[in-house]
Amino acid sequence: QVQLMESGGGLVQAGESMRLSCTGSRSDINIVGWYRQTPGMERELVASWTDRYSTTYADSVKGRFTLSRDKYKNTVSLQMNRLEPEDTAVYYCKARFAGRVKWGQGTQVTVSS
């Protein structure tokens, strides 16, 4: 079964850090990155691999968020530092499998001021 298992998320105060992780249930699931969505808004890119070695970040998170991969665990993590209330959203990991896009179930990140 093809599944993406997200962990992390929760409530933190502004300036604190949080780490999100996404693990694929199969080694041939290619986890490409993280997106986020707030009510009434479209899902937006947070951080993503553009190729095997390069990443791209939303301007609002550059210098604060870092994407990393553990290929042996098929896990992609998003380290989020200096969190801001504007980072509050549901975060989704995105993957590609058999030519299709698959999304995680989403994890809520809430940053209080």
C-alpha atoms as a PDB file:
ATOM      1  CA  GLN A   1       0.000   0.000   0.000  1.00  0.00           C
ATOM      2  CA  VAL A   2       1.272   3.449  -0.902  1.00  0.00           C
ATOM      3  CA  GLN A   3       1.272   5.713   2.109  1.00  0.00           C
ATOM      4  CA  LEU A   4       2.963   8.884   3.278  1.00  0.00           C
ATOM      5  CA  MET A   5       3.340   9.110   7.035  1.00  0.00           C
ATOM      6  CA  GLU A   6       3.793  12.622   8.381  1.00  0.00           C
ATOM      7  CA  SER A   7       5.004  13.433  11.867  1.00  0.00           C
ATOM      8  CA  GLY A   8       5.678  16.606  13.772  1.00  0.00           C
ATOM      9  CA  GLY A   9       3.427  19.589  13.920  1.00  0.00           C
ATOM     10  CA  GLY A  10       1.640  21.124  16.857  1.00  0.00           C
ATOM     11  CA  LEU A  11       1.652  24.408  18.714  1.00  0.00           C
ATOM     12  CA  VAL A  12       4.748  26.506  19.311  1.00  0.00           C
ATOM     13  CA  GLN A  13       5.513  30.096  20.172  1.00  0.00           C
ATOM     14  CA  ALA A  14       6.992  32.554  17.742  1.00  0.00           C
ATOM     15  CA  GLY A  15      10.749  32.198  17.499  1.00  0.00           C
ATOM     16  CA  GLU A  16      10.761  28.518  18.365  1.00  0.00           C
ATOM     17  CA  SER A  17      11.641  25.579  16.130  1.00  0.00           C
ATOM     18  CA  MET A  18       9.814  22.532  14.875  1.00  0.00           C
ATOM     19  CA  ARG A  19      10.660  19.582  12.660  1.00  0.00           C
ATOM     20  CA  LEU A  20       8.294  17.852  10.282  1.00  0.00           C
ATOM     21  CA  SER A  21       9.042  14.471   8.751  1.00  0.00           C
ATOM     22  CA  CYS A  22       7.424  12.506   5.958  1.00  0.00           C
ATOM     23  CA  THR A  23       8.164   8.819   5.374  1.00  0.00           C
ATOM     24  CA  GLY A  24       7.133   6.797   2.368  1.00  0.00           C
ATOM     25  CA  SER A  25       5.817   3.261   2.861  1.00  0.00           C
ATOM     26  CA  ARG A  26       7.738   2.044  -0.201  1.00  0.00           C
ATOM     27  CA  SER A  27      11.273   2.756  -1.327  1.00  0.00           C
ATOM     28  CA  ASP A  28      10.063   3.743  -4.810  1.00  0.00           C
ATOM     29  CA  ILE A  29       7.989   6.615  -3.482  1.00  0.00           C
ATOM     30  CA  ASN A  30       9.789   9.823  -4.369  1.00  0.00           C
ATOM     31  CA  ILE A  31       9.049  12.432  -1.694  1.00  0.00           C
ATOM     32  CA  VAL A  32       9.679  15.784  -3.343  1.00  0.00           C
ATOM     33  CA  GLY A  33       8.923  18.324  -0.648  1.00  0.00           C
ATOM     34  CA  TRP A  34       6.534  20.196   1.593  1.00  0.00           C
ATOM     35  CA  TYR A  35       3.613  22.509   0.894  1.00  0.00           C
ATOM     36  CA  ARG A  36       1.245  24.361   3.193  1.00  0.00           C
ATOM     37  CA  GLN A  37      -2.283  25.642   3.091  1.00  0.00           C
ATOM     38  CA  THR A  38      -4.339  28.088   5.131  1.00  0.00           C
ATOM     39  CA  PRO A  39      -8.146  28.339   5.050  1.00  0.00           C
ATOM     40  CA  GLY A  40      -9.439  29.909   1.867  1.00  0.00           C
ATOM     41  CA  MET A  41      -6.025  29.916   0.225  1.00  0.00           C
ATOM     42  CA  GLU A  42      -4.405  27.681  -2.339  1.00  0.00           C
ATOM     43  CA  ARG A  43      -1.775  25.188  -1.312  1.00  0.00           C
ATOM     44  CA  GLU A  44       1.644  26.768  -1.698  1.00  0.00           C
ATOM     45  CA  LEU A  45       5.178  25.515  -1.975  1.00  0.00           C
ATOM     46  CA  VAL A  46       7.298  25.680   1.155  1.00  0.00           C
ATOM     47  CA  ALA A  47      10.358  23.699   0.095  1.00  0.00           C
ATOM     48  CA  SER A  48      11.007  21.157  -2.595  1.00  0.00           C
ATOM     49  CA  TRP A  49      13.738  19.232  -4.358  1.00  0.00           C
ATOM     50  CA  THR A  50      14.163  20.515  -7.903  1.00  0.00           C
ATOM     51  CA  ASP A  51      16.536  17.726  -8.824  1.00  0.00           C
ATOM     52  CA  ARG A  52      18.617  15.164  -7.001  1.00  0.00           C
ATOM     53  CA  TYR A  53      20.812  17.729  -5.286  1.00  0.00           C
ATOM     54  CA  SER A  54      19.052  21.087  -5.464  1.00  0.00           C
ATOM     55  CA  THR A  55      16.229  22.571  -3.478  1.00  0.00           C
ATOM     56  CA  THR A  56      13.969  25.572  -3.759  1.00  0.00           C
ATOM     57  CA  TYR A  57      12.277  27.479  -0.950  1.00  0.00           C
ATOM     58  CA  ALA A  58       9.461  29.979  -0.695  1.00  0.00           C
ATOM     59  CA  ASP A  59      10.898  33.452  -0.206  1.00  0.00           C
ATOM     60  CA  SER A  60       9.123  33.753   3.132  1.00  0.00           C
ATOM     61  CA  VAL A  61      10.990  30.772   4.610  1.00  0.00           C
ATOM     62  CA  LYS A  62      14.449  31.172   3.075  1.00  0.00           C
ATOM     63  CA  GLY A  63      17.116  31.166   5.743  1.00  0.00           C
ATOM     64  CA  ARG A  64      14.726  29.730   8.341  1.00  0.00           C
ATOM     65  CA  PHE A  65      13.607  26.381   6.922  1.00  0.00           C
ATOM     66  CA  THR A  66      15.813  23.539   5.722  1.00  0.00           C
ATOM     67  CA  LEU A  67      14.837  20.487   3.723  1.00  0.00           C
ATOM     68  CA  SER A  68      16.743  17.256   4.208  1.00  0.00           C
ATOM     69  CA  ARG A  69      16.508  13.667   3.097  1.00  0.00           C
ATOM     70  CA  ASP A  70      17.404  10.323   4.660  1.00  0.00           C
ATOM     71  CA  LYS A  71      17.359   8.045   1.642  1.00  0.00           C
ATOM     72  CA  TYR A  72      17.828   4.896   3.692  1.00  0.00           C
ATOM     73  CA  LYS A  73      14.662   5.626   5.662  1.00  0.00           C
ATOM     74  CA  ASN A  74      12.893   7.157   2.654  1.00  0.00           C
ATOM     75  CA  THR A  75      12.190  10.162   4.821  1.00  0.00           C
ATOM     76  CA  VAL A  76      12.200  13.855   3.993  1.00  0.00           C
ATOM     77  CA  SER A  77      12.302  16.319   6.866  1.00  0.00           C
ATOM     78  CA  LEU A  78      11.617  20.013   7.123  1.00  0.00           C
ATOM     79  CA  GLN A  79      13.472  21.792   9.898  1.00  0.00           C
ATOM     80  CA  MET A  80      11.660  25.023  10.692  1.00  0.00           C
ATOM     81  CA  ASN A  81      13.492  27.610  12.778  1.00  0.00           C
ATOM     82  CA  ARG A  82      12.487  31.072  13.977  1.00  0.00           C
ATOM     83  CA  LEU A  83       8.864  30.271  13.353  1.00  0.00           C
ATOM     84  CA  GLU A  84       6.469  33.149  12.813  1.00  0.00           C
ATOM     85  CA  PRO A  85       2.689  33.381  13.261  1.00  0.00           C
ATOM     86  CA  GLU A  86       2.459  33.669   9.460  1.00  0.00           C
ATOM     87  CA  ASP A  87       3.819  30.116   9.236  1.00  0.00           C
ATOM     88  CA  THR A  88       0.614  28.799  10.777  1.00  0.00           C
ATOM     89  CA  ALA A  89      -0.928  26.380   8.287  1.00  0.00           C
ATOM     90  CA  VAL A  90      -1.593  22.752   7.508  1.00  0.00           C
ATOM     91  CA  TYR A  91       1.599  21.310   6.070  1.00  0.00           C
ATOM     92  CA  TYR A  92       1.500  18.549   3.461  1.00  0.00           C
ATOM     93  CA  CYS A  93       4.293  16.457   2.063  1.00  0.00           C
ATOM     94  CA  LYS A  94       4.175  15.750  -1.636  1.00  0.00           C
ATOM     95  CA  ALA A  95       5.463  12.676  -3.416  1.00  0.00           C
ATOM     96  CA  ARG A  96       5.479  11.108  -6.834  1.00  0.00           C
ATOM     97  CA  PHE A  97       4.725   7.451  -7.368  1.00  0.00           C
ATOM     98  CA  ALA A  98       4.082   5.609 -10.631  1.00  0.00           C
ATOM     99  CA  GLY A  99       3.794   8.897 -12.478  1.00  0.00           C
ATOM    100  CA  ARG A 100       1.208  10.312 -10.106  1.00  0.00           C
ATOM    101  CA  VAL A 101       1.290  12.888  -7.353  1.00  0.00           C
ATOM    102  CA  LYS A 102       0.457  11.732  -3.853  1.00  0.00           C
ATOM    103  CA  TRP A 103      -0.125  13.948  -0.815  1.00  0.00           C
ATOM    104  CA  GLY A 104       0.261  13.246   2.852  1.00  0.00           C
ATOM    105  CA  GLN A 105      -2.734  13.680   5.136  1.00  0.00           C
ATOM    106  CA  GLY A 106      -1.485  17.021   6.417  1.00  0.00           C
ATOM    107  CA  THR A 107      -0.236  18.135   9.808  1.00  0.00           C
ATOM    108  CA  GLN A 108      -1.261  21.327  11.574  1.00  0.00           C
ATOM    109  CA  VAL A 109       1.426  23.797  12.566  1.00  0.00           C
ATOM    110  CA  THR A 110       0.285  26.658  14.777  1.00  0.00           C
ATOM    111  CA  VAL A 111       2.614  29.450  15.812  1.00  0.00           C
ATOM    112  CA  SER A 112       1.386  31.745  18.559  1.00  0.00           C
ATOM    113  CA  SER A 113       2.597  35.304  18.887  1.00  0.00           C
END
